[in-house]
Amino acid sequence: MEIFDSVLGNAFEAAWSGRLEGAHIDWLELSQWDAQKNRFRKKTAGGRVMAVALERGHSLRDGDILEWDEEKNSAVVCRIRLCPVMAVDMAALGGRPRDEA
C-alpha cells in the first residue's frame, strides 16, 4: 500500500485537463464526509488500496490528482459524491415570538 501525502493538481485545471484527456483514470470515490478527512485508507475503483495522509487542515476536492504516471498515461483522481440534503424554509417563523417559533 502506498501513502499519498500531497495533491499534484486538479483535473479541472487547464494544465491538467489536456494531460488527462485519453488517459486511464482510476477513480478514488469519496463521500463528502470522507473528503474532509486528512487521513484515511480507501480502495480505488480499480481495486488499489490508497492511504492518504495530508497535512493537518488540508482536505481533498473533487478532481484532485493523487498520482500521475506519464509512461503508462494513467492517473488516480478523486471523485467526491455529495450526500442528499434537506432544505427547510423557516421564513414563516420570522414574525412569531421566540418561544412559539
PDB file of N, CA and C in Angstrom:
ATOM      1  N   MET A   1       0.842  -1.173   0.000  1.00  0.00           N
ATOM      2  CA  MET A   1       0.000   0.000   0.000  1.00  0.00           C
ATOM      3  C   MET A   1       0.891   1.241   0.000  1.00  0.00           C
ATOM      4  N   GLU A   2       0.538   2.174  -0.860  1.00  0.00           N
ATOM      5  CA  GLU A   2       1.287   3.419  -0.953  1.00  0.00           C
ATOM      6  C   GLU A   2       0.607   4.502  -0.123  1.00  0.00           C
ATOM      7  N   ILE A   3       1.408   5.429   0.384  1.00  0.00           N
ATOM      8  CA  ILE A   3       0.872   6.549   1.151  1.00  0.00           C
ATOM      9  C   ILE A   3       1.043   7.820   0.317  1.00  0.00           C
ATOM     10  N   PHE A   4      -0.042   8.550   0.153  1.00  0.00           N
ATOM     11  CA  PHE A   4      -0.030   9.787  -0.622  1.00  0.00           C
ATOM     12  C   PHE A   4      -0.211  10.955   0.337  1.00  0.00           C
ATOM     13  N   ASP A   5       0.757  11.882   0.324  1.00  0.00           N
ATOM     14  CA  ASP A   5       0.716  12.983   1.274  1.00  0.00           C
ATOM     15  C   ASP A   5       0.566  14.351   0.619  1.00  0.00           C
ATOM     16  N   SER A   6       0.327  14.352  -0.687  1.00  0.00           N
ATOM     17  CA  SER A   6       0.137  15.634  -1.372  1.00  0.00           C
ATOM     18  C   SER A   6      -0.740  15.450  -2.608  1.00  0.00           C
ATOM     19  N   VAL A   7      -1.238  16.559  -3.097  1.00  0.00           N
ATOM     20  CA  VAL A   7      -2.068  16.595  -4.301  1.00  0.00           C
ATOM     21  C   VAL A   7      -1.222  17.194  -5.413  1.00  0.00           C
ATOM     22  N   LEU A   8      -1.204  16.545  -6.579  1.00  0.00           N
ATOM     23  CA  LEU A   8      -0.395  17.012  -7.703  1.00  0.00           C
ATOM     24  C   LEU A   8      -1.040  18.170  -8.444  1.00  0.00           C
ATOM     25  N   GLY A   9      -2.339  18.217  -8.433  1.00  0.00           N
ATOM     26  CA  GLY A   9      -3.087  19.239  -9.157  1.00  0.00           C
ATOM     27  C   GLY A   9      -4.543  18.844  -9.182  1.00  0.00           C
ATOM     28  N   ASN A  10      -5.312  19.466 -10.049  1.00  0.00           N
ATOM     29  CA  ASN A  10      -6.729  19.171 -10.143  1.00  0.00           C
ATOM     30  C   ASN A  10      -7.108  18.965 -11.597  1.00  0.00           C
ATOM     31  N   ALA A  11      -7.924  17.972 -11.866  1.00  0.00           N
ATOM     32  CA  ALA A  11      -8.323  17.622 -13.229  1.00  0.00           C
ATOM     33  C   ALA A  11      -9.066  18.754 -13.934  1.00  0.00           C
ATOM     34  N   PHE A  12      -9.614  19.694 -13.172  1.00  0.00           N
ATOM     35  CA  PHE A  12     -10.363  20.798 -13.769  1.00  0.00           C
ATOM     36  C   PHE A  12      -9.473  21.993 -14.105  1.00  0.00           C
ATOM     37  N   GLU A  13      -8.193  21.930 -13.745  1.00  0.00           N
ATOM     38  CA  GLU A  13      -7.252  22.994 -14.102  1.00  0.00           C
ATOM     39  C   GLU A  13      -6.834  22.811 -15.553  1.00  0.00           C
ATOM     40  N   ALA A  14      -6.626  23.897 -16.257  1.00  0.00           N
ATOM     41  CA  ALA A  14      -6.265  23.833 -17.675  1.00  0.00           C
ATOM     42  C   ALA A  14      -4.993  23.023 -17.903  1.00  0.00           C
ATOM     43  N   ALA A  15      -4.022  23.156 -17.018  1.00  0.00           N
ATOM     44  CA  ALA A  15      -2.751  22.439 -17.176  1.00  0.00           C
ATOM     45  C   ALA A  15      -2.933  20.923 -17.129  1.00  0.00           C
ATOM     46  N   TRP A  16      -3.911  20.450 -16.381  1.00  0.00           N
ATOM     47  CA  TRP A  16      -4.110  19.007 -16.239  1.00  0.00           C
ATOM     48  C   TRP A  16      -5.172  18.444 -17.175  1.00  0.00           C
ATOM     49  N   SER A  17      -6.139  19.231 -17.559  1.00  0.00           N
ATOM     50  CA  SER A  17      -7.230  18.682 -18.373  1.00  0.00           C
ATOM     51  C   SER A  17      -6.717  18.121 -19.701  1.00  0.00           C
ATOM     52  N   GLY A  18      -5.738  18.758 -20.300  1.00  0.00           N
ATOM     53  CA  GLY A  18      -5.159  18.254 -21.544  1.00  0.00           C
ATOM     54  C   GLY A  18      -4.369  16.969 -21.340  1.00  0.00           C
ATOM     55  N   ARG A  19      -3.612  16.905 -20.255  1.00  0.00           N
ATOM     56  CA  ARG A  19      -2.825  15.705 -19.948  1.00  0.00           C
ATOM     57  C   ARG A  19      -3.702  14.494 -19.699  1.00  0.00           C
ATOM     58  N   LEU A  20      -4.817  14.714 -19.035  1.00  0.00           N
ATOM     59  CA  LEU A  20      -5.685  13.603 -18.659  1.00  0.00           C
ATOM     60  C   LEU A  20      -6.587  13.130 -19.790  1.00  0.00           C
ATOM     61  N   GLU A  21      -6.678  13.921 -20.854  1.00  0.00           N
ATOM     62  CA  GLU A  21      -7.519  13.524 -21.979  1.00  0.00           C
ATOM     63  C   GLU A  21      -6.961  12.251 -22.599  1.00  0.00           C
ATOM     64  N   GLY A  22      -7.753  11.204 -22.624  1.00  0.00           N
ATOM     65  CA  GLY A  22      -7.334   9.924 -23.183  1.00  0.00           C
ATOM     66  C   GLY A  22      -6.549   9.048 -22.218  1.00  0.00           C
ATOM     67  N   ALA A  23      -6.293   9.555 -21.016  1.00  0.00           N
ATOM     68  CA  ALA A  23      -5.541   8.775 -20.021  1.00  0.00           C
ATOM     69  C   ALA A  23      -6.466   7.793 -19.311  1.00  0.00           C
ATOM     70  N   HIS A  24      -5.867   6.722 -18.778  1.00  0.00           N
ATOM     71  CA  HIS A  24      -6.633   5.792 -17.952  1.00  0.00           C
ATOM     72  C   HIS A  24      -6.726   6.398 -16.557  1.00  0.00           C
ATOM     73  N   ILE A  25      -7.948   6.583 -16.070  1.00  0.00           N
ATOM     74  CA  ILE A  25      -8.158   7.186 -14.754  1.00  0.00           C
ATOM     75  C   ILE A  25      -8.732   6.145 -13.806  1.00  0.00           C
ATOM     76  N   ASP A  26      -8.043   5.955 -12.703  1.00  0.00           N
ATOM     77  CA  ASP A  26      -8.520   5.087 -11.624  1.00  0.00           C
ATOM     78  C   ASP A  26      -9.140   6.027 -10.585  1.00  0.00           C
ATOM     79  N   TRP A  27     -10.453   5.955 -10.440  1.00  0.00           N
ATOM     80  CA  TRP A  27     -11.172   6.889  -9.573  1.00  0.00           C
ATOM     81  C   TRP A  27     -11.115   6.466  -8.116  1.00  0.00           C
ATOM     82  N   LEU A  28     -10.857   7.433  -7.257  1.00  0.00           N
ATOM     83  CA  LEU A  28     -10.937   7.247  -5.818  1.00  0.00           C
ATOM     84  C   LEU A  28     -12.224   7.929  -5.376  1.00  0.00           C
ATOM     85  N   GLU A  29     -13.269   7.117  -5.209  1.00  0.00           N
ATOM     86  CA  GLU A  29     -14.601   7.641  -4.872  1.00  0.00           C
ATOM     87  C   GLU A  29     -14.680   7.935  -3.376  1.00  0.00           C
ATOM     88  N   LEU A  30     -15.068   9.160  -3.042  1.00  0.00           N
ATOM     89  CA  LEU A  30     -15.184   9.582  -1.653  1.00  0.00           C
ATOM     90  C   LEU A  30     -16.528  10.231  -1.409  1.00  0.00           C
ATOM     91  N   SER A  31     -17.070  10.035  -0.215  1.00  0.00           N
ATOM     92  CA  SER A  31     -18.256  10.795   0.170  1.00  0.00           C
ATOM     93  C   SER A  31     -17.774  12.180   0.593  1.00  0.00           C
ATOM     94  N   GLN A  32     -18.679  13.115   0.701  1.00  0.00           N
ATOM     95  CA  GLN A  32     -18.268  14.456   1.124  1.00  0.00           C
ATOM     96  C   GLN A  32     -17.685  14.422   2.533  1.00  0.00           C
ATOM     97  N   TRP A  33     -18.088  13.453   3.342  1.00  0.00           N
ATOM     98  CA  TRP A  33     -17.575  13.338   4.710  1.00  0.00           C
ATOM     99  C   TRP A  33     -16.150  12.779   4.706  1.00  0.00           C
ATOM    100  N   ASP A  34     -15.899  11.782   3.851  1.00  0.00           N
ATOM    101  CA  ASP A  34     -14.541  11.232   3.742  1.00  0.00           C
ATOM    102  C   ASP A  34     -13.566  12.278   3.212  1.00  0.00           C
ATOM    103  N   ALA A  35     -14.021  13.099   2.283  1.00  0.00           N
ATOM    104  CA  ALA A  35     -13.144  14.094   1.654  1.00  0.00           C
ATOM    105  C   ALA A  35     -12.669  15.147   2.653  1.00  0.00           C
ATOM    106  N   GLN A  36     -13.379  15.333   3.747  1.00  0.00           N
ATOM    107  CA  GLN A  36     -12.994  16.326   4.749  1.00  0.00           C
ATOM    108  C   GLN A  36     -11.877  15.822   5.657  1.00  0.00           C
ATOM    109  N   LYS A  37     -11.652  14.519   5.648  1.00  0.00           N
ATOM    110  CA  LYS A  37     -10.608  13.939   6.495  1.00  0.00           C
ATOM    111  C   LYS A  37      -9.245  14.136   5.833  1.00  0.00           C
ATOM    112  N   ASN A  38      -8.212  14.275   6.648  1.00  0.00           N
ATOM    113  CA  ASN A  38      -6.885  14.402   6.057  1.00  0.00           C
ATOM    114  C   ASN A  38      -6.097  13.089   6.142  1.00  0.00           C
ATOM    115  N   ARG A  39      -6.663  12.093   6.834  1.00  0.00           N
ATOM    116  CA  ARG A  39      -6.026  10.765   6.904  1.00  0.00           C
ATOM    117  C   ARG A  39      -7.092   9.679   6.772  1.00  0.00           C
ATOM    118  N   PHE A  40      -6.904   8.806   5.798  1.00  0.00           N
ATOM    119  CA  PHE A  40      -7.826   7.684   5.618  1.00  0.00           C
ATOM    120  C   PHE A  40      -7.218   6.663   4.675  1.00  0.00           C
ATOM    121  N   ARG A  41      -7.853   5.501   4.616  1.00  0.00           N
ATOM    122  CA  ARG A  41      -7.458   4.426   3.711  1.00  0.00           C
ATOM    123  C   ARG A  41      -8.703   4.023   2.937  1.00  0.00           C
ATOM    124  N   LYS A  42      -8.576   3.884   1.624  1.00  0.00           N
ATOM    125  CA  LYS A  42      -9.736   3.592   0.785  1.00  0.00           C
ATOM    126  C   LYS A  42      -9.264   2.883  -0.479  1.00  0.00           C
ATOM    127  N   LYS A  43     -10.165   2.068  -1.079  1.00  0.00           N
ATOM    128  CA  LYS A  43      -9.870   1.397  -2.349  1.00  0.00           C
ATOM    129  C   LYS A  43     -10.346   2.253  -3.512  1.00  0.00           C
ATOM    130  N   THR A  44      -9.563   2.224  -4.596  1.00  0.00           N
ATOM    131  CA  THR A  44      -9.972   2.906  -5.818  1.00  0.00           C
ATOM    132  C   THR A  44     -10.946   2.010  -6.580  1.00  0.00           C
ATOM    133  N   ALA A  45     -11.537   2.538  -7.619  1.00  0.00           N
ATOM    134  CA  ALA A  45     -12.439   1.742  -8.454  1.00  0.00           C
ATOM    135  C   ALA A  45     -11.702   0.567  -9.081  1.00  0.00           C
ATOM    136  N   GLY A  46     -10.389   0.721  -9.302  1.00  0.00           N
ATOM    137  CA  GLY A  46      -9.578  -0.343  -9.877  1.00  0.00           C
ATOM    138  C   GLY A  46      -9.064  -1.343  -8.858  1.00  0.00           C
ATOM    139  N   GLY A  47      -9.383  -1.141  -7.571  1.00  0.00           N
ATOM    140  CA  GLY A  47      -9.015  -2.100  -6.539  1.00  0.00           C
ATOM    141  C   GLY A  47      -7.728  -1.811  -5.780  1.00  0.00           C
ATOM    142  N   ARG A  48      -7.057  -0.710  -6.088  1.00  0.00           N
ATOM    143  CA  ARG A  48      -5.837  -0.349  -5.350  1.00  0.00           C
ATOM    144  C   ARG A  48      -6.195   0.232  -3.991  1.00  0.00           C
ATOM    145  N   VAL A  49      -5.459  -0.159  -2.971  1.00  0.00           N
ATOM    146  CA  VAL A  49      -5.672   0.411  -1.647  1.00  0.00           C
ATOM    147  C   VAL A  49      -4.799   1.652  -1.529  1.00  0.00           C
ATOM    148  N   MET A  50      -5.432   2.776  -1.247  1.00  0.00           N
ATOM    149  CA  MET A  50      -4.730   4.057  -1.137  1.00  0.00           C
ATOM    150  C   MET A  50      -4.778   4.527   0.305  1.00  0.00           C
ATOM    151  N   ALA A  51      -3.644   4.924   0.827  1.00  0.00           N
ATOM    152  CA  ALA A  51      -3.589   5.561   2.140  1.00  0.00           C
ATOM    153  C   ALA A  51      -3.285   7.032   1.891  1.00  0.00           C
ATOM    154  N   VAL A  52      -4.145   7.896   2.377  1.00  0.00           N
ATOM    155  CA  VAL A  52      -3.961   9.332   2.204  1.00  0.00           C
ATOM    156  C   VAL A  52      -3.614   9.928   3.561  1.00  0.00           C
ATOM    157  N   ALA A  53      -2.539  10.709   3.597  1.00  0.00           N
ATOM    158  CA  ALA A  53      -2.087  11.351   4.831  1.00  0.00           C
ATOM    159  C   ALA A  53      -1.671  12.778   4.492  1.00  0.00           C
ATOM    160  N   LEU A  54      -2.653  13.660   4.406  1.00  0.00           N
ATOM    161  CA  LEU A  54      -2.387  15.055   4.081  1.00  0.00           C
ATOM    162  C   LEU A  54      -2.020  15.826   5.344  1.00  0.00           C
ATOM    163  N   GLU A  55      -1.434  17.007   5.154  1.00  0.00           N
ATOM    164  CA  GLU A  55      -1.117  17.861   6.299  1.00  0.00           C
ATOM    165  C   GLU A  55      -2.403  18.260   7.007  1.00  0.00           C
ATOM    166  N   ARG A  56      -2.270  18.527   8.291  1.00  0.00           N
ATOM    167  CA  ARG A  56      -3.422  18.945   9.094  1.00  0.00           C
ATOM    168  C   ARG A  56      -4.061  20.182   8.465  1.00  0.00           C
ATOM    169  N   GLY A  57      -5.377  20.170   8.404  1.00  0.00           N
ATOM    170  CA  GLY A  57      -6.110  21.299   7.839  1.00  0.00           C
ATOM    171  C   GLY A  57      -6.349  21.205   6.343  1.00  0.00           C
ATOM    172  N   HIS A  58      -5.733  20.248   5.670  1.00  0.00           N
ATOM    173  CA  HIS A  58      -5.938  20.067   4.232  1.00  0.00           C
ATOM    174  C   HIS A  58      -6.969  18.973   3.999  1.00  0.00           C
ATOM    175  N   SER A  59      -7.709  19.099   2.922  1.00  0.00           N
ATOM    176  CA  SER A  59      -8.688  18.087   2.540  1.00  0.00           C
ATOM    177  C   SER A  59      -8.704  17.978   1.023  1.00  0.00           C
ATOM    178  N   LEU A  60      -9.335  16.929   0.527  1.00  0.00           N
ATOM    179  CA  LEU A  60      -9.383  16.697  -0.915  1.00  0.00           C
ATOM    180  C   LEU A  60     -10.603  17.373  -1.534  1.00  0.00           C
ATOM    181  N   ARG A  61     -10.428  17.790  -2.787  1.00  0.00           N
ATOM    182  CA  ARG A  61     -11.519  18.381  -3.561  1.00  0.00           C
ATOM    183  C   ARG A  61     -11.816  17.478  -4.758  1.00  0.00           C
ATOM    184  N   ASP A  62     -12.994  17.621  -5.301  1.00  0.00           N
ATOM    185  CA  ASP A  62     -13.370  16.851  -6.485  1.00  0.00           C
ATOM    186  C   ASP A  62     -12.379  17.151  -7.607  1.00  0.00           C
ATOM    187  N   GLY A  63     -11.816  16.099  -8.189  1.00  0.00           N
ATOM    188  CA  GLY A  63     -10.872  16.261  -9.289  1.00  0.00           C
ATOM    189  C   GLY A  63      -9.415  16.293  -8.873  1.00  0.00           C
ATOM    190  N   ASP A  64      -9.131  16.259  -7.571  1.00  0.00           N
ATOM    191  CA  ASP A  64      -7.736  16.268  -7.122  1.00  0.00           C
ATOM    192  C   ASP A  64      -7.003  15.020  -7.618  1.00  0.00           C
ATOM    193  N   ILE A  65      -5.778  15.221  -8.073  1.00  0.00           N
ATOM    194  CA  ILE A  65      -4.965  14.151  -8.639  1.00  0.00           C
ATOM    195  C   ILE A  65      -3.935  13.728  -7.602  1.00  0.00           C
ATOM    196  N   LEU A  66      -3.970  12.446  -7.247  1.00  0.00           N
ATOM    197  CA  LEU A  66      -3.034  11.921  -6.260  1.00  0.00           C
ATOM    198  C   LEU A  66      -1.827  11.261  -6.904  1.00  0.00           C
ATOM    199  N   GLU A  67      -2.006  10.752  -8.114  1.00  0.00           N
ATOM    200  CA  GLU A  67      -0.898  10.078  -8.788  1.00  0.00           C
ATOM    201  C   GLU A  67      -1.011  10.284 -10.290  1.00  0.00           C
ATOM    202  N   TRP A  68       0.136  10.498 -10.938  1.00  0.00           N
ATOM    203  CA  TRP A  68       0.204  10.620 -12.391  1.00  0.00           C
ATOM    204  C   TRP A  68       1.408   9.822 -12.868  1.00  0.00           C
ATOM    205  N   ASP A  69       1.172   8.890 -13.801  1.00  0.00           N
ATOM    206  CA  ASP A  69       2.245   8.087 -14.385  1.00  0.00           C
ATOM    207  C   ASP A  69       2.312   8.423 -15.873  1.00  0.00           C
ATOM    208  N   GLU A  70       3.313   9.204 -16.225  1.00  0.00           N
ATOM    209  CA  GLU A  70       3.481   9.675 -17.607  1.00  0.00           C
ATOM    210  C   GLU A  70       3.654   8.507 -18.572  1.00  0.00           C
ATOM    211  N   GLU A  71       4.475   7.511 -18.197  1.00  0.00           N
ATOM    212  CA  GLU A  71       4.762   6.379 -19.078  1.00  0.00           C
ATOM    213  C   GLU A  71       3.523   5.545 -19.363  1.00  0.00           C
ATOM    214  N   LYS A  72       2.722   5.299 -18.345  1.00  0.00           N
ATOM    215  CA  LYS A  72       1.516   4.493 -18.511  1.00  0.00           C
ATOM    216  C   LYS A  72       0.304   5.328 -18.909  1.00  0.00           C
ATOM    217  N   ASN A  73       0.465   6.647 -18.914  1.00  0.00           N
ATOM    218  CA  ASN A  73      -0.631   7.570 -19.219  1.00  0.00           C
ATOM    219  C   ASN A  73      -1.843   7.264 -18.332  1.00  0.00           C
ATOM    220  N   SER A  74      -1.575   7.208 -17.022  1.00  0.00           N
ATOM    221  CA  SER A  74      -2.637   6.874 -16.074  1.00  0.00           C
ATOM    222  C   SER A  74      -2.561   7.778 -14.846  1.00  0.00           C
ATOM    223  N   ALA A  75      -3.693   7.910 -14.181  1.00  0.00           N
ATOM    224  CA  ALA A  75      -3.770   8.785 -13.008  1.00  0.00           C
ATOM    225  C   ALA A  75      -4.762   8.222 -12.004  1.00  0.00           C
ATOM    226  N   VAL A  76      -4.579   8.626 -10.751  1.00  0.00           N
ATOM    227  CA  VAL A  76      -5.564   8.370  -9.706  1.00  0.00           C
ATOM    228  C   VAL A  76      -6.176   9.723  -9.373  1.00  0.00           C
ATOM    229  N   VAL A  77      -7.499   9.823  -9.565  1.00  0.00           N
ATOM    230  CA  VAL A  77      -8.202  11.098  -9.392  1.00  0.00           C
ATOM    231  C   VAL A  77      -9.362  10.918  -8.422  1.00  0.00           C
ATOM    232  N   CYS A  78      -9.546  11.890  -7.544  1.00  0.00           N
ATOM    233  CA  CYS A  78     -10.631  11.854  -6.563  1.00  0.00           C
ATOM    234  C   CYS A  78     -11.951  12.267  -7.197  1.00  0.00           C
ATOM    235  N   ARG A  79     -12.987  11.552  -6.844  1.00  0.00           N
ATOM    236  CA  ARG A  79     -14.349  11.914  -7.257  1.00  0.00           C
ATOM    237  C   ARG A  79     -15.173  11.966  -5.979  1.00  0.00           C
ATOM    238  N   ILE A  80     -15.712  13.135  -5.676  1.00  0.00           N
ATOM    239  CA  ILE A  80     -16.454  13.310  -4.435  1.00  0.00           C
ATOM    240  C   ILE A  80     -17.949  13.286  -4.727  1.00  0.00           C
ATOM    241  N   ARG A  81     -18.625  12.403  -4.032  1.00  0.00           N
ATOM    242  CA  ARG A  81     -20.071  12.247  -4.164  1.00  0.00           C
ATOM    243  C   ARG A  81     -20.751  13.021  -3.041  1.00  0.00           C
ATOM    244  N   LEU A  82     -21.589  13.957  -3.406  1.00  0.00           N
ATOM    245  CA  LEU A  82     -22.308  14.738  -2.407  1.00  0.00           C
ATOM    246  C   LEU A  82     -23.497  13.949  -1.878  1.00  0.00           C
ATOM    247  N   CYS A  83     -23.743  14.077  -0.602  1.00  0.00           N
ATOM    248  CA  CYS A  83     -24.871  13.397   0.037  1.00  0.00           C
ATOM    249  C   CYS A  83     -26.124  14.249  -0.122  1.00  0.00           C
ATOM    250  N   PRO A  84     -27.300  13.608  -0.154  1.00  0.00           N
ATOM    251  CA  PRO A  84     -28.529  14.379  -0.233  1.00  0.00           C
ATOM    252  C   PRO A  84     -28.701  15.230   1.031  1.00  0.00           C
ATOM    253  N   VAL A  85     -29.287  16.390   0.855  1.00  0.00           N
ATOM    254  CA  VAL A  85     -29.553  17.271   1.997  1.00  0.00           C
ATOM    255  C   VAL A  85     -31.024  17.667   2.004  1.00  0.00           C
ATOM    256  N   MET A  86     -31.500  18.090   3.151  1.00  0.00           N
ATOM    257  CA  MET A  86     -32.868  18.559   3.272  1.00  0.00           C
ATOM    258  C   MET A  86     -32.829  20.062   3.545  1.00  0.00           C
ATOM    259  N   ALA A  87     -33.584  20.820   2.775  1.00  0.00           N
ATOM    260  CA  ALA A  87     -33.664  22.262   2.973  1.00  0.00           C
ATOM    261  C   ALA A  87     -34.999  22.587   3.635  1.00  0.00           C
ATOM    262  N   VAL A  88     -34.945  23.390   4.674  1.00  0.00           N
ATOM    263  CA  VAL A  88     -36.148  23.774   5.403  1.00  0.00           C
ATOM    264  C   VAL A  88     -36.273  25.291   5.348  1.00  0.00           C
ATOM    265  N   ASP A  89     -37.410  25.765   4.852  1.00  0.00           N
ATOM    266  CA  ASP A  89     -37.667  27.198   4.776  1.00  0.00           C
ATOM    267  C   ASP A  89     -38.345  27.636   6.072  1.00  0.00           C
ATOM    268  N   MET A  90     -37.669  28.442   6.852  1.00  0.00           N
ATOM    269  CA  MET A  90     -38.188  28.878   8.147  1.00  0.00           C
ATOM    270  C   MET A  90     -38.614  30.341   8.116  1.00  0.00           C
ATOM    271  N   ALA A  91     -38.775  30.889   6.915  1.00  0.00           N
ATOM    272  CA  ALA A  91     -39.126  32.299   6.772  1.00  0.00           C
ATOM    273  C   ALA A  91     -40.460  32.626   7.440  1.00  0.00           C
ATOM    274  N   ALA A  92     -41.390  31.672   7.443  1.00  0.00           N
ATOM    275  CA  ALA A  92     -42.715  31.932   8.033  1.00  0.00           C
ATOM    276  C   ALA A  92     -42.647  32.111   9.545  1.00  0.00           C
ATOM    277  N   LEU A  93     -41.578  31.677  10.170  1.00  0.00           N
ATOM    278  CA  LEU A  93     -41.445  31.807  11.623  1.00  0.00           C
ATOM    279  C   LEU A  93     -40.837  33.138  12.040  1.00  0.00           C
ATOM    280  N   GLY A  94     -40.430  33.949  11.095  1.00  0.00           N
ATOM    281  CA  GLY A  94     -39.735  35.203  11.375  1.00  0.00           C
ATOM    282  C   GLY A  94     -40.490  36.187  12.242  1.00  0.00           C
ATOM    283  N   GLY A  95     -41.793  36.297  12.092  1.00  0.00           N
ATOM    284  CA  GLY A  95     -42.555  37.279  12.850  1.00  0.00           C
ATOM    285  C   GLY A  95     -43.138  36.739  14.140  1.00  0.00           C
ATOM    286  N   ARG A  96     -42.943  35.505  14.446  1.00  0.00           N
ATOM    287  CA  ARG A  96     -43.529  34.887  15.648  1.00  0.00           C
ATOM    288  C   ARG A  96     -42.636  35.109  16.862  1.00  0.00           C
ATOM    289  N   PRO A  97     -43.253  35.067  18.038  1.00  0.00           N
ATOM    290  CA  PRO A  97     -42.446  35.173  19.274  1.00  0.00           C
ATOM    291  C   PRO A  97     -41.456  34.014  19.370  1.00  0.00           C
ATOM    292  N   ARG A  98     -40.367  34.247  20.054  1.00  0.00           N
ATOM    293  CA  ARG A  98     -39.280  33.267  20.151  1.00  0.00           C
ATOM    294  C   ARG A  98     -39.760  31.919  20.696  1.00  0.00           C
ATOM    295  N   ASP A  99     -40.531  31.909  21.753  1.00  0.00           N
ATOM    296  CA  ASP A  99     -40.967  30.646  22.354  1.00  0.00           C
ATOM    297  C   ASP A  99     -41.933  29.894  21.432  1.00  0.00           C
ATOM    298  N   GLU A 100     -42.635  30.605  20.599  1.00  0.00           N
ATOM    299  CA  GLU A 100     -43.566  29.958  19.659  1.00  0.00           C
ATOM    300  C   GLU A 100     -42.828  29.394  18.446  1.00  0.00           C
ATOM    301  N   ALA A 101     -41.807  30.092  18.014  1.00  0.00           N
ATOM    302  CA  ALA A 101     -41.052  29.657  16.838  1.00  0.00           C
ATOM    303  C   ALA A 101     -40.303  28.395  17.180  1.00  0.00           C
TER     304      ALA A 101
END
